[in-house]
Protein backbone atom coordinates (compact mmCIF):
# COMPACT_ATOMS: atom_id res chain seq x y z
CA MET A 1 65.82 51.42 65.00
CA ALA A 2 69.46 50.38 65.44
CA ALA A 3 70.89 49.45 68.84
CA GLN A 4 73.07 52.56 68.88
CA ASP A 5 70.03 54.78 68.43
CA TRP A 6 68.37 53.36 71.59
CA ARG A 7 71.58 53.96 73.53
CA ALA A 8 71.61 57.57 72.38
CA LEU A 9 68.01 57.93 73.55
CA GLY A 10 68.81 56.79 77.10
CA ALA A 11 69.32 53.02 77.09
CA ASP A 12 72.88 53.63 78.27
CA LYS A 13 71.42 54.46 81.71
CA LYS A 14 69.78 51.04 82.03
CA ILE A 15 72.71 49.14 83.52
CA ALA A 16 73.73 51.87 85.97
CA ALA A 17 70.16 52.38 87.18
CA GLY A 18 69.57 48.63 87.44
CA ILE A 19 72.68 47.95 89.49
CA LEU A 20 72.07 50.93 91.78
CA GLY A 21 68.46 49.85 92.25
CA ILE A 22 69.55 46.37 93.28
CA LEU A 23 72.42 47.41 95.56
CA VAL A 24 71.20 50.65 97.18
CA GLY A 25 67.58 50.84 96.09
CA GLY A 26 66.36 52.10 99.44
CA LEU A 27 68.20 55.37 98.88
CA GLY A 28 66.57 56.00 95.49
CA ILE A 29 69.83 56.81 93.70
CA HIS A 30 68.65 54.85 90.67
CA LYS A 31 65.79 57.34 90.33
CA PHE A 32 68.24 60.25 90.06
CA VAL A 33 70.17 58.42 87.32
CA LEU A 34 66.96 58.26 85.27
CA GLY A 35 66.08 61.91 85.97
CA TYR A 36 63.23 61.23 88.40
CA THR A 37 64.18 63.84 90.98
CA THR A 38 60.88 63.85 92.89
CA GLU A 39 60.74 60.06 93.23
CA GLY A 40 64.42 59.96 94.18
CA LEU A 41 63.94 62.58 96.88
CA ILE A 42 60.94 60.73 98.29
CA MET A 43 63.00 57.57 98.65
CA LEU A 44 66.19 59.27 99.87
CA LEU A 45 64.56 61.58 102.39
CA GLY A 46 62.13 58.92 103.54
CA THR A 47 64.99 56.55 104.31
CA VAL A 48 67.25 59.18 105.89
CA LEU A 49 64.57 60.94 107.95
CA THR A 50 63.28 57.66 109.39
CA CYS A 51 66.81 56.53 110.30
CA GLY A 52 66.56 53.72 107.78
CA MET A 53 63.16 52.39 108.79
CA ALA A 54 61.63 53.33 105.41
CA ALA A 55 64.30 51.20 103.75
CA ILE A 56 62.18 48.22 104.79
CA VAL A 57 59.70 49.42 102.15
CA PHE A 58 61.97 51.24 99.70
CA GLY A 59 64.68 48.55 99.59
CA PRO A 60 62.47 45.87 98.00
CA ILE A 61 60.98 48.50 95.66
CA GLY A 62 64.49 49.41 94.49
CA LEU A 63 65.40 45.74 94.11
CA VAL A 64 62.37 44.99 91.95
CA GLU A 65 62.86 48.13 89.87
CA GLY A 66 66.53 47.33 89.34
CA ILE A 67 65.69 43.85 88.11
CA LEU A 68 62.95 45.22 85.85
CA TYR A 69 65.37 47.72 84.31
CA LEU A 70 67.92 45.02 83.55
CA VAL A 71 65.54 42.47 82.02
CA LYS A 72 63.90 44.90 79.60
CA SER A 73 65.25 45.32 76.10
CA ASP A 74 66.90 48.65 75.30
CA GLU A 75 63.88 49.64 73.20
CA GLU A 76 61.37 48.76 75.92
CA PHE A 77 63.47 50.49 78.60
CA VAL A 78 63.69 53.73 76.61
CA ARG A 79 60.01 53.74 75.75
CA THR A 80 58.88 52.98 79.31
CA TYR A 81 61.26 54.95 81.51
CA ILE A 82 62.79 57.65 79.29
CA GLN A 83 60.04 58.61 76.85
CA ASN A 84 56.91 57.83 78.91
CA LYS A 85 58.51 58.85 82.24
CA ARG A 86 57.10 55.95 84.26
CA GLY A 87 58.45 56.79 87.72
CA TRP A 88 57.41 53.73 89.70
CA PHE A 89 57.75 50.08 88.62
């Protein structure tokens, strides 16, 4: 499949989700970018309702996920996170 086809299938979200995961991963905003509303709410509400204490756990998770998003090829990213809906790692 051509590179443009993977972008049309969702690979265009890879960079935005990766950067958000690295910078503000504890808030789960990268999850919303990928359409994972439940996972995003868990991270966002967990961090907000604990006055940031949950960010100790969710921050590194977001960092790792952001890095994983960015190092995957467009094809692998689309297959893993868009088509198969893998919500965590």
